[in-house]
Amino acid sequence: MSTGLTKRLEGIRDAAVRQHAAQGGSYGALANAMGVTRATAQSRRDT
């Protein structure tokens, strides 16, 4: 159950990151939302 829930949560997060980028969301705002540095947020989104 935790594996299934985690996979769904990851899908939700990734879809939100993708749409955040498509709507022109900044790396700084993404970093704040993810609780990481700007460089890490940029790397994760670009990947």
All heavy atoms as atom14 arrays in JSON, in Angstrom:
{
  "sequence": "MSTGLTKRLEGIRDAAVRQHAAQGGSYGALANAMGVTRATAQSRRDT",
  "atom14_mask": [
    [1, 1, 1, 1, 1, 1, 1, 1, 0, 0, 0, 0, 0, 0],
    [1, 1, 1, 1, 1, 1, 0, 0, 0, 0, 0, 0, 0, 0],
    [1, 1, 1, 1, 1, 1, 1, 0, 0, 0, 0, 0, 0, 0],
    [1, 1, 1, 1, 0, 0, 0, 0, 0, 0, 0, 0, 0, 0],
    [1, 1, 1, 1, 1, 1, 1, 1, 0, 0, 0, 0, 0, 0],
    [1, 1, 1, 1, 1, 1, 1, 0, 0, 0, 0, 0, 0, 0],
    [1, 1, 1, 1, 1, 1, 1, 1, 1, 0, 0, 0, 0, 0],
    [1, 1, 1, 1, 1, 1, 1, 1, 1, 1, 1, 0, 0, 0],
    [1, 1, 1, 1, 1, 1, 1, 1, 0, 0, 0, 0, 0, 0],
    [1, 1, 1, 1, 1, 1, 1, 1, 1, 0, 0, 0, 0, 0],
    [1, 1, 1, 1, 0, 0, 0, 0, 0, 0, 0, 0, 0, 0],
    [1, 1, 1, 1, 1, 1, 1, 1, 0, 0, 0, 0, 0, 0],
    [1, 1, 1, 1, 1, 1, 1, 1, 1, 1, 1, 0, 0, 0],
    [1, 1, 1, 1, 1, 1, 1, 1, 0, 0, 0, 0, 0, 0],
    [1, 1, 1, 1, 1, 0, 0, 0, 0, 0, 0, 0, 0, 0],
    [1, 1, 1, 1, 1, 0, 0, 0, 0, 0, 0, 0, 0, 0],
    [1, 1, 1, 1, 1, 1, 1, 0, 0, 0, 0, 0, 0, 0],
    [1, 1, 1, 1, 1, 1, 1, 1, 1, 1, 1, 0, 0, 0],
    [1, 1, 1, 1, 1, 1, 1, 1, 1, 0, 0, 0, 0, 0],
    [1, 1, 1, 1, 1, 1, 1, 1, 1, 1, 0, 0, 0, 0],
    [1, 1, 1, 1, 1, 0, 0, 0, 0, 0, 0, 0, 0, 0],
    [1, 1, 1, 1, 1, 0, 0, 0, 0, 0, 0, 0, 0, 0],
    [1, 1, 1, 1, 1, 1, 1, 1, 1, 0, 0, 0, 0, 0],
    [1, 1, 1, 1, 0, 0, 0, 0, 0, 0, 0, 0, 0, 0],
    [1, 1, 1, 1, 0, 0, 0, 0, 0, 0, 0, 0, 0, 0],
    [1, 1, 1, 1, 1, 1, 0, 0, 0, 0, 0, 0, 0, 0],
    [1, 1, 1, 1, 1, 1, 1, 1, 1, 1, 1, 1, 0, 0],
    [1, 1, 1, 1, 0, 0, 0, 0, 0, 0, 0, 0, 0, 0],
    [1, 1, 1, 1, 1, 0, 0, 0, 0, 0, 0, 0, 0, 0],
    [1, 1, 1, 1, 1, 1, 1, 1, 0, 0, 0, 0, 0, 0],
    [1, 1, 1, 1, 1, 0, 0, 0, 0, 0, 0, 0, 0, 0],
    [1, 1, 1, 1, 1, 1, 1, 1, 0, 0, 0, 0, 0, 0],
    [1, 1, 1, 1, 1, 0, 0, 0, 0, 0, 0, 0, 0, 0],
    [1, 1, 1, 1, 1, 1, 1, 1, 0, 0, 0, 0, 0, 0],
    [1, 1, 1, 1, 0, 0, 0, 0, 0, 0, 0, 0, 0, 0],
    [1, 1, 1, 1, 1, 1, 1, 0, 0, 0, 0, 0, 0, 0],
    [1, 1, 1, 1, 1, 1, 1, 0, 0, 0, 0, 0, 0, 0],
    [1, 1, 1, 1, 1, 1, 1, 1, 1, 1, 1, 0, 0, 0],
    [1, 1, 1, 1, 1, 0, 0, 0, 0, 0, 0, 0, 0, 0],
    [1, 1, 1, 1, 1, 1, 1, 0, 0, 0, 0, 0, 0, 0],
    [1, 1, 1, 1, 1, 0, 0, 0, 0, 0, 0, 0, 0, 0],
    [1, 1, 1, 1, 1, 1, 1, 1, 1, 0, 0, 0, 0, 0],
    [1, 1, 1, 1, 1, 1, 0, 0, 0, 0, 0, 0, 0, 0],
    [1, 1, 1, 1, 1, 1, 1, 1, 1, 1, 1, 0, 0, 0],
    [1, 1, 1, 1, 1, 1, 1, 1, 1, 1, 1, 0, 0, 0],
    [1, 1, 1, 1, 1, 1, 1, 1, 0, 0, 0, 0, 0, 0],
    [1, 1, 1, 1, 1, 1, 1, 0, 0, 0, 0, 0, 0, 0]
  ],
  "atom14_positions": [
    [[0.82, -1.21, 0.0], [0.0, 0.0, 0.0], [0.85, 1.26, 0.0], [0.52, 2.24, -0.66], [-0.95, 0.01, 1.2], [-2.04, -1.02, 1.09], [-3.1, -0.67, -0.34], [-3.72, -2.29, -0.68], [0.0, 0.0, 0.0], [0.0, 0.0, 0.0], [0.0, 0.0, 0.0], [0.0, 0.0, 0.0], [0.0, 0.0, 0.0], [0.0, 0.0, 0.0]],
    [[1.96, 1.26, 0.73], [2.81, 2.46, 0.74], [3.5, 2.64, -0.6], [3.66, 3.78, -1.06], [3.82, 2.42, 1.9], [4.69, 1.32, 1.76], [0.0, 0.0, 0.0], [0.0, 0.0, 0.0], [0.0, 0.0, 0.0], [0.0, 0.0, 0.0], [0.0, 0.0, 0.0], [0.0, 0.0, 0.0], [0.0, 0.0, 0.0], [0.0, 0.0, 0.0]],
    [[3.86, 1.56, -1.25], [4.48, 1.65, -2.58], [3.48, 2.23, -3.58], [3.81, 3.14, -4.35], [4.98, 0.28, -3.05], [5.98, -0.18, -2.13], [5.59, 0.35, -4.44], [0.0, 0.0, 0.0], [0.0, 0.0, 0.0], [0.0, 0.0, 0.0], [0.0, 0.0, 0.0], [0.0, 0.0, 0.0], [0.0, 0.0, 0.0], [0.0, 0.0, 0.0]],
    [[2.25, 1.74, -3.56], [1.23, 2.26, -4.46], [0.93, 3.72, -4.2], [0.77, 4.51, -5.14], [0.0, 0.0, 0.0], [0.0, 0.0, 0.0], [0.0, 0.0, 0.0], [0.0, 0.0, 0.0], [0.0, 0.0, 0.0], [0.0, 0.0, 0.0], [0.0, 0.0, 0.0], [0.0, 0.0, 0.0], [0.0, 0.0, 0.0], [0.0, 0.0, 0.0]],
    [[0.85, 4.09, -2.93], [0.59, 5.49, -2.58], [1.75, 6.38, -3.0], [1.56, 7.46, -3.56], [0.32, 5.61, -1.08], [-0.11, 6.97, -0.57], [-1.39, 7.45, -1.24], [-0.3, 6.93, 0.95], [0.0, 0.0, 0.0], [0.0, 0.0, 0.0], [0.0, 0.0, 0.0], [0.0, 0.0, 0.0], [0.0, 0.0, 0.0], [0.0, 0.0, 0.0]],
    [[2.97, 5.92, -2.75], [4.16, 6.7, -3.12], [4.22, 6.94, -4.62], [4.49, 8.06, -5.07], [5.44, 5.99, -2.63], [5.39, 5.88, -1.21], [6.68, 6.73, -3.06], [0.0, 0.0, 0.0], [0.0, 0.0, 0.0], [0.0, 0.0, 0.0], [0.0, 0.0, 0.0], [0.0, 0.0, 0.0], [0.0, 0.0, 0.0], [0.0, 0.0, 0.0]],
    [[3.93, 5.91, -5.41], [3.96, 6.07, -6.87], [2.93, 7.11, -7.33], [3.22, 7.93, -8.2], [3.7, 4.73, -7.56], [4.87, 3.79, -7.47], [4.58, 2.48, -8.18], [5.77, 1.55, -8.07], [5.54, 0.28, -8.78], [0.0, 0.0, 0.0], [0.0, 0.0, 0.0], [0.0, 0.0, 0.0], [0.0, 0.0, 0.0], [0.0, 0.0, 0.0]],
    [[1.76, 7.08, -6.73], [0.74, 8.06, -7.09], [1.14, 9.47, -6.67], [0.97, 10.43, -7.42], [-0.6, 7.65, -6.5], [-1.25, 6.52, -7.28], [-2.34, 5.82, -6.5], [-2.95, 4.76, -7.28], [-2.41, 3.58, -7.56], [-1.2, 3.29, -7.12], [-3.04, 2.68, -8.28], [0.0, 0.0, 0.0], [0.0, 0.0, 0.0], [0.0, 0.0, 0.0]],
    [[1.69, 9.59, -5.47], [2.15, 10.91, -5.0], [3.27, 11.45, -5.88], [3.31, 12.65, -6.18], [2.59, 10.83, -3.54], [1.47, 10.57, -2.53], [2.07, 10.35, -1.14], [0.44, 11.68, -2.52], [0.0, 0.0, 0.0], [0.0, 0.0, 0.0], [0.0, 0.0, 0.0], [0.0, 0.0, 0.0], [0.0, 0.0, 0.0], [0.0, 0.0, 0.0]],
    [[4.17, 10.58, -6.3], [5.25, 11.02, -7.2], [4.68, 11.48, -8.53], [5.14, 12.47, -9.11], [6.26, 9.89, -7.42], [7.11, 9.62, -6.2], [7.98, 8.36, -6.32], [7.77, 7.56, -7.27], [8.85, 8.18, -5.45], [0.0, 0.0, 0.0], [0.0, 0.0, 0.0], [0.0, 0.0, 0.0], [0.0, 0.0, 0.0], [0.0, 0.0, 0.0]],
    [[3.66, 10.79, -9.04], [3.02, 11.2, -10.28], [2.35, 12.56, -10.15], [2.43, 13.4, -11.05], [0.0, 0.0, 0.0], [0.0, 0.0, 0.0], [0.0, 0.0, 0.0], [0.0, 0.0, 0.0], [0.0, 0.0, 0.0], [0.0, 0.0, 0.0], [0.0, 0.0, 0.0], [0.0, 0.0, 0.0], [0.0, 0.0, 0.0], [0.0, 0.0, 0.0]],
    [[1.69, 12.78, -9.02], [1.05, 14.07, -8.76], [2.1, 15.17, -8.7], [1.96, 16.23, -9.31], [0.23, 14.02, -7.46], [-0.95, 13.05, -7.61], [-0.24, 15.41, -7.06], [-1.61, 12.67, -6.29], [0.0, 0.0, 0.0], [0.0, 0.0, 0.0], [0.0, 0.0, 0.0], [0.0, 0.0, 0.0], [0.0, 0.0, 0.0], [0.0, 0.0, 0.0]],
    [[3.18, 14.91, -7.96], [4.25, 15.91, -7.83], [4.87, 16.21, -9.19], [5.04, 17.38, -9.56], [5.34, 15.41, -6.87], [6.48, 16.42, -6.68], [7.81, 15.77, -6.34], [8.15, 14.72, -7.27], [8.74, 13.57, -6.9], [9.03, 13.34, -5.64], [9.03, 12.66, -7.8], [0.0, 0.0, 0.0], [0.0, 0.0, 0.0], [0.0, 0.0, 0.0]],
    [[5.19, 15.18, -9.96], [5.83, 15.4, -11.26], [4.91, 16.16, -12.21], [5.37, 17.04, -12.95], [6.26, 14.06, -11.87], [7.43, 13.43, -11.14], [8.04, 14.09, -10.26], [7.74, 12.25, -11.43], [0.0, 0.0, 0.0], [0.0, 0.0, 0.0], [0.0, 0.0, 0.0], [0.0, 0.0, 0.0], [0.0, 0.0, 0.0], [0.0, 0.0, 0.0]],
    [[3.62, 15.84, -12.19], [2.67, 16.57, -13.04], [2.61, 18.03, -12.63], [2.56, 18.93, -13.48], [1.29, 15.92, -12.96], [0.0, 0.0, 0.0], [0.0, 0.0, 0.0], [0.0, 0.0, 0.0], [0.0, 0.0, 0.0], [0.0, 0.0, 0.0], [0.0, 0.0, 0.0], [0.0, 0.0, 0.0], [0.0, 0.0, 0.0], [0.0, 0.0, 0.0]],
    [[2.63, 18.28, -11.33], [2.6, 19.66, -10.85], [3.87, 20.41, -11.23], [3.81, 21.58, -11.64], [2.4, 19.69, -9.33], [0.0, 0.0, 0.0], [0.0, 0.0, 0.0], [0.0, 0.0, 0.0], [0.0, 0.0, 0.0], [0.0, 0.0, 0.0], [0.0, 0.0, 0.0], [0.0, 0.0, 0.0], [0.0, 0.0, 0.0], [0.0, 0.0, 0.0]],
    [[5.02, 19.76, -11.14], [6.28, 20.4, -11.54], [6.26, 20.7, -13.02], [6.63, 21.8, -13.45], [7.5, 19.5, -11.17], [8.78, 20.02, -11.82], [7.66, 19.4, -9.66], [0.0, 0.0, 0.0], [0.0, 0.0, 0.0], [0.0, 0.0, 0.0], [0.0, 0.0, 0.0], [0.0, 0.0, 0.0], [0.0, 0.0, 0.0], [0.0, 0.0, 0.0]],
    [[5.78, 19.76, -13.82], [5.72, 19.96, -15.28], [4.8, 21.13, -15.62], [5.13, 21.99, -16.44], [5.26, 18.68, -15.97], [5.46, 18.67, -17.47], [5.03, 17.33, -18.08], [5.82, 16.22, -17.61], [6.97, 15.82, -18.14], [7.49, 16.47, -19.15], [7.6, 14.75, -17.65], [0.0, 0.0, 0.0], [0.0, 0.0, 0.0], [0.0, 0.0, 0.0]],
    [[3.63, 21.2, -14.98], [2.69, 22.29, -15.26], [3.2, 23.62, -14.71], [2.98, 24.67, -15.31], [1.31, 21.95, -14.72], [0.64, 20.88, -15.56], [-0.82, 20.66, -15.2], [-1.43, 21.46, -14.51], [-1.37, 19.57, -15.69], [0.0, 0.0, 0.0], [0.0, 0.0, 0.0], [0.0, 0.0, 0.0], [0.0, 0.0, 0.0], [0.0, 0.0, 0.0]],
    [[3.91, 23.57, -13.58], [4.52, 24.78, -13.02], [5.49, 25.38, -14.03], [5.49, 26.59, -14.28], [5.23, 24.42, -11.71], [5.81, 25.58, -10.97], [7.13, 25.96, -11.12], [5.26, 26.42, -10.07], [7.36, 26.99, -10.32], [6.26, 27.3, -9.69], [0.0, 0.0, 0.0], [0.0, 0.0, 0.0], [0.0, 0.0, 0.0], [0.0, 0.0, 0.0]],
    [[6.28, 24.52, -14.66], [7.24, 24.97, -15.67], [6.5, 25.52, -16.89], [6.85, 26.57, -17.43], [8.16, 23.83, -16.08], [0.0, 0.0, 0.0], [0.0, 0.0, 0.0], [0.0, 0.0, 0.0], [0.0, 0.0, 0.0], [0.0, 0.0, 0.0], [0.0, 0.0, 0.0], [0.0, 0.0, 0.0], [0.0, 0.0, 0.0], [0.0, 0.0, 0.0]],
    [[5.45, 24.81, -17.33], [4.71, 25.23, -18.52], [4.03, 26.59, -18.32], [3.85, 27.34, -19.28], [3.66, 24.17, -18.87], [0.0, 0.0, 0.0], [0.0, 0.0, 0.0], [0.0, 0.0, 0.0], [0.0, 0.0, 0.0], [0.0, 0.0, 0.0], [0.0, 0.0, 0.0], [0.0, 0.0, 0.0], [0.0, 0.0, 0.0], [0.0, 0.0, 0.0]],
    [[3.71, 26.9, -17.08], [3.06, 28.18, -16.78], [4.07, 29.27, -16.43], [3.68, 30.37, -16.02], [2.06, 28.0, -15.64], [0.87, 27.13, -16.04], [-0.09, 26.9, -14.88], [-0.09, 27.64, -13.9], [-0.9, 25.88, -15.01], [0.0, 0.0, 0.0], [0.0, 0.0, 0.0], [0.0, 0.0, 0.0], [0.0, 0.0, 0.0], [0.0, 0.0, 0.0]],
    [[5.35, 28.98, -16.61], [6.38, 29.98, -16.38], [6.8, 30.15, -14.94], [7.38, 31.17, -14.57], [0.0, 0.0, 0.0], [0.0, 0.0, 0.0], [0.0, 0.0, 0.0], [0.0, 0.0, 0.0], [0.0, 0.0, 0.0], [0.0, 0.0, 0.0], [0.0, 0.0, 0.0], [0.0, 0.0, 0.0], [0.0, 0.0, 0.0], [0.0, 0.0, 0.0]],
    [[6.51, 29.14, -14.1], [6.92, 29.2, -12.7], [8.42, 29.3, -12.58], [9.17, 28.69, -13.35], [0.0, 0.0, 0.0], [0.0, 0.0, 0.0], [0.0, 0.0, 0.0], [0.0, 0.0, 0.0], [0.0, 0.0, 0.0], [0.0, 0.0, 0.0], [0.0, 0.0, 0.0], [0.0, 0.0, 0.0], [0.0, 0.0, 0.0], [0.0, 0.0, 0.0]],
    [[8.88, 30.05, -11.61], [10.32, 30.27, -11.45], [10.98, 29.11, -10.71], [10.33, 28.37, -9.96], [10.58, 31.56, -10.68], [10.21, 31.41, -9.32], [0.0, 0.0, 0.0], [0.0, 0.0, 0.0], [0.0, 0.0, 0.0], [0.0, 0.0, 0.0], [0.0, 0.0, 0.0], [0.0, 0.0, 0.0], [0.0, 0.0, 0.0], [0.0, 0.0, 0.0]],
    [[12.29, 28.97, -10.92], [13.06, 27.98, -10.18], [13.04, 28.3, -8.68], [13.0, 27.4, -7.85], [14.51, 27.92, -10.66], [14.68, 27.32, -12.04], [15.26, 28.06, -13.07], [14.29, 26.02, -12.32], [15.44, 27.53, -14.33], [14.46, 25.47, -13.58], [15.03, 26.23, -14.58], [15.21, 25.69, -15.83], [0.0, 0.0, 0.0], [0.0, 0.0, 0.0]],
    [[13.06, 29.58, -8.35], [13.03, 29.98, -6.94], [11.75, 29.55, -6.25], [11.79, 29.02, -5.13], [0.0, 0.0, 0.0], [0.0, 0.0, 0.0], [0.0, 0.0, 0.0], [0.0, 0.0, 0.0], [0.0, 0.0, 0.0], [0.0, 0.0, 0.0], [0.0, 0.0, 0.0], [0.0, 0.0, 0.0], [0.0, 0.0, 0.0], [0.0, 0.0, 0.0]],
    [[10.61, 29.76, -6.91], [9.33, 29.34, -6.33], [9.28, 27.82, -6.21], [8.78, 27.28, -5.22], [8.17, 29.85, -7.18], [0.0, 0.0, 0.0], [0.0, 0.0, 0.0], [0.0, 0.0, 0.0], [0.0, 0.0, 0.0], [0.0, 0.0, 0.0], [0.0, 0.0, 0.0], [0.0, 0.0, 0.0], [0.0, 0.0, 0.0], [0.0, 0.0, 0.0]],
    [[9.8, 27.13, -7.21], [9.84, 25.67, -7.17], [10.73, 25.2, -6.03], [10.37, 24.27, -5.3], [10.35, 25.11, -8.51], [10.42, 23.6, -8.63], [9.05, 22.95, -8.44], [11.01, 23.21, -9.98], [0.0, 0.0, 0.0], [0.0, 0.0, 0.0], [0.0, 0.0, 0.0], [0.0, 0.0, 0.0], [0.0, 0.0, 0.0], [0.0, 0.0, 0.0]],
    [[11.87, 25.84, -5.85], [12.78, 25.47, -4.76], [12.1, 25.63, -3.42], [12.21, 24.75, -2.55], [14.05, 26.33, -4.83], [0.0, 0.0, 0.0], [0.0, 0.0, 0.0], [0.0, 0.0, 0.0], [0.0, 0.0, 0.0], [0.0, 0.0, 0.0], [0.0, 0.0, 0.0], [0.0, 0.0, 0.0], [0.0, 0.0, 0.0], [0.0, 0.0, 0.0]],
    [[11.37, 26.74, -3.23], [10.64, 26.95, -1.98], [9.61, 25.85, -1.76], [9.46, 25.34, -0.65], [9.97, 28.32, -1.96], [10.96, 29.44, -1.77], [12.04, 29.26, -1.23], [10.58, 30.62, -2.22], [0.0, 0.0, 0.0], [0.0, 0.0, 0.0], [0.0, 0.0, 0.0], [0.0, 0.0, 0.0], [0.0, 0.0, 0.0], [0.0, 0.0, 0.0]],
    [[8.88, 25.49, -2.79], [7.85, 24.47, -2.69], [8.45, 23.09, -2.38], [7.84, 22.29, -1.66], [7.03, 24.4, -3.97], [0.0, 0.0, 0.0], [0.0, 0.0, 0.0], [0.0, 0.0, 0.0], [0.0, 0.0, 0.0], [0.0, 0.0, 0.0], [0.0, 0.0, 0.0], [0.0, 0.0, 0.0], [0.0, 0.0, 0.0], [0.0, 0.0, 0.0]],
    [[9.63, 22.81, -2.93], [10.27, 21.52, -2.75], [11.14, 21.45, -1.49], [11.56, 20.37, -1.09], [11.12, 21.17, -3.98], [10.33, 21.0, -5.25], [11.39, 20.75, -6.69], [11.47, 18.97, -6.69], [0.0, 0.0, 0.0], [0.0, 0.0, 0.0], [0.0, 0.0, 0.0], [0.0, 0.0, 0.0], [0.0, 0.0, 0.0], [0.0, 0.0, 0.0]],
    [[11.42, 22.61, -0.91], [12.29, 22.63, 0.26], [13.74, 22.29, -0.05], [14.42, 21.64, 0.75], [0.0, 0.0, 0.0], [0.0, 0.0, 0.0], [0.0, 0.0, 0.0], [0.0, 0.0, 0.0], [0.0, 0.0, 0.0], [0.0, 0.0, 0.0], [0.0, 0.0, 0.0], [0.0, 0.0, 0.0], [0.0, 0.0, 0.0], [0.0, 0.0, 0.0]],
    [[14.18, 22.73, -1.24], [15.55, 22.47, -1.68], [16.17, 23.78, -2.18], [15.49, 24.8, -2.26], [15.59, 21.4, -2.8], [15.04, 20.05, -2.31], [14.81, 21.85, -4.04], [0.0, 0.0, 0.0], [0.0, 0.0, 0.0], [0.0, 0.0, 0.0], [0.0, 0.0, 0.0], [0.0, 0.0, 0.0], [0.0, 0.0, 0.0], [0.0, 0.0, 0.0]],
    [[17.43, 23.71, -2.54], [18.07, 24.89, -3.1], [17.56, 25.14, -4.51], [17.0, 24.25, -5.16], [19.6, 24.73, -3.16], [19.91, 23.69, -4.11], [20.19, 24.4, -1.8], [0.0, 0.0, 0.0], [0.0, 0.0, 0.0], [0.0, 0.0, 0.0], [0.0, 0.0, 0.0], [0.0, 0.0, 0.0], [0.0, 0.0, 0.0], [0.0, 0.0, 0.0]],
    [[17.77, 26.36, -4.99], [17.36, 26.72, -6.35], [18.05, 25.83, -7.38], [17.42, 25.37, -8.33], [17.66, 28.2, -6.62], [17.14, 28.69, -7.95], [17.59, 30.13, -8.23], [17.17, 30.57, -9.53], [17.73, 30.17, -10.69], [18.72, 29.31, -10.7], [17.28, 30.64, -11.84], [0.0, 0.0, 0.0], [0.0, 0.0, 0.0], [0.0, 0.0, 0.0]],
    [[19.32, 25.57, -7.18], [20.07, 24.73, -8.13], [19.5, 23.31, -8.17], [19.39, 22.71, -9.25], [21.55, 24.7, -7.76], [0.0, 0.0, 0.0], [0.0, 0.0, 0.0], [0.0, 0.0, 0.0], [0.0, 0.0, 0.0], [0.0, 0.0, 0.0], [0.0, 0.0, 0.0], [0.0, 0.0, 0.0], [0.0, 0.0, 0.0], [0.0, 0.0, 0.0]],
    [[19.13, 22.78, -7.02], [18.56, 21.44, -6.98], [17.2, 21.41, -7.66], [16.91, 20.5, -8.44], [18.44, 20.95, -5.52], [19.75, 20.9, -4.94], [17.79, 19.59, -5.43], [0.0, 0.0, 0.0], [0.0, 0.0, 0.0], [0.0, 0.0, 0.0], [0.0, 0.0, 0.0], [0.0, 0.0, 0.0], [0.0, 0.0, 0.0], [0.0, 0.0, 0.0]],
    [[16.39, 22.43, -7.41], [15.08, 22.51, -8.06], [15.24, 22.61, -9.58], [14.52, 21.94, -10.33], [14.3, 23.7, -7.53], [0.0, 0.0, 0.0], [0.0, 0.0, 0.0], [0.0, 0.0, 0.0], [0.0, 0.0, 0.0], [0.0, 0.0, 0.0], [0.0, 0.0, 0.0], [0.0, 0.0, 0.0], [0.0, 0.0, 0.0], [0.0, 0.0, 0.0]],
    [[16.18, 23.41, -10.02], [16.43, 23.56, -11.45], [16.85, 22.23, -12.06], [16.33, 21.83, -13.1], [17.51, 24.61, -11.7], [17.82, 24.82, -13.17], [18.84, 25.94, -13.38], [19.2, 26.67, -12.45], [19.28, 26.08, -14.61], [0.0, 0.0, 0.0], [0.0, 0.0, 0.0], [0.0, 0.0, 0.0], [0.0, 0.0, 0.0], [0.0, 0.0, 0.0]],
    [[17.74, 21.53, -11.4], [18.22, 20.24, -11.9], [17.09, 19.22, -11.97], [16.93, 18.52, -12.97], [19.35, 19.73, -11.0], [19.72, 18.44, -11.38], [0.0, 0.0, 0.0], [0.0, 0.0, 0.0], [0.0, 0.0, 0.0], [0.0, 0.0, 0.0], [0.0, 0.0, 0.0], [0.0, 0.0, 0.0], [0.0, 0.0, 0.0], [0.0, 0.0, 0.0]],
    [[16.29, 19.16, -10.92], [15.19, 18.19, -10.9], [14.15, 18.5, -11.97], [13.64, 17.6, -12.64], [14.54, 18.15, -9.51], [15.44, 17.5, -8.47], [14.76, 17.44, -7.12], [15.68, 16.93, -6.12], [15.41, 16.87, -4.84], [14.23, 17.29, -4.38], [16.29, 16.39, -3.99], [0.0, 0.0, 0.0], [0.0, 0.0, 0.0], [0.0, 0.0, 0.0]],
    [[13.8, 19.78, -12.11], [12.8, 20.14, -13.12], [13.33, 19.88, -14.52], [12.64, 19.3, -15.36], [12.39, 21.61, -12.98], [11.27, 21.98, -13.95], [10.77, 23.36, -13.72], [11.48, 24.3, -14.59], [11.19, 25.59, -14.65], [10.25, 26.12, -13.89], [11.86, 26.38, -15.45], [0.0, 0.0, 0.0], [0.0, 0.0, 0.0], [0.0, 0.0, 0.0]],
    [[14.58, 20.29, -14.77], [15.15, 20.09, -16.11], [15.25, 18.6, -16.45], [14.98, 18.21, -17.59], [16.52, 20.76, -16.21], [16.43, 22.28, -16.16], [15.31, 22.83, -16.23], [17.5, 22.93, -16.03], [0.0, 0.0, 0.0], [0.0, 0.0, 0.0], [0.0, 0.0, 0.0], [0.0, 0.0, 0.0], [0.0, 0.0, 0.0], [0.0, 0.0, 0.0]],
    [[15.61, 17.78, -15.49], [15.68, 16.33, -15.71], [14.29, 15.77, -16.02], [14.12, 14.96, -16.93], [16.27, 15.62, -14.48], [17.61, 16.1, -14.28], [16.31, 14.12, -14.66], [0.0, 0.0, 0.0], [0.0, 0.0, 0.0], [0.0, 0.0, 0.0], [0.0, 0.0, 0.0], [0.0, 0.0, 0.0], [0.0, 0.0, 0.0], [0.0, 0.0, 0.0]]
  ]
}
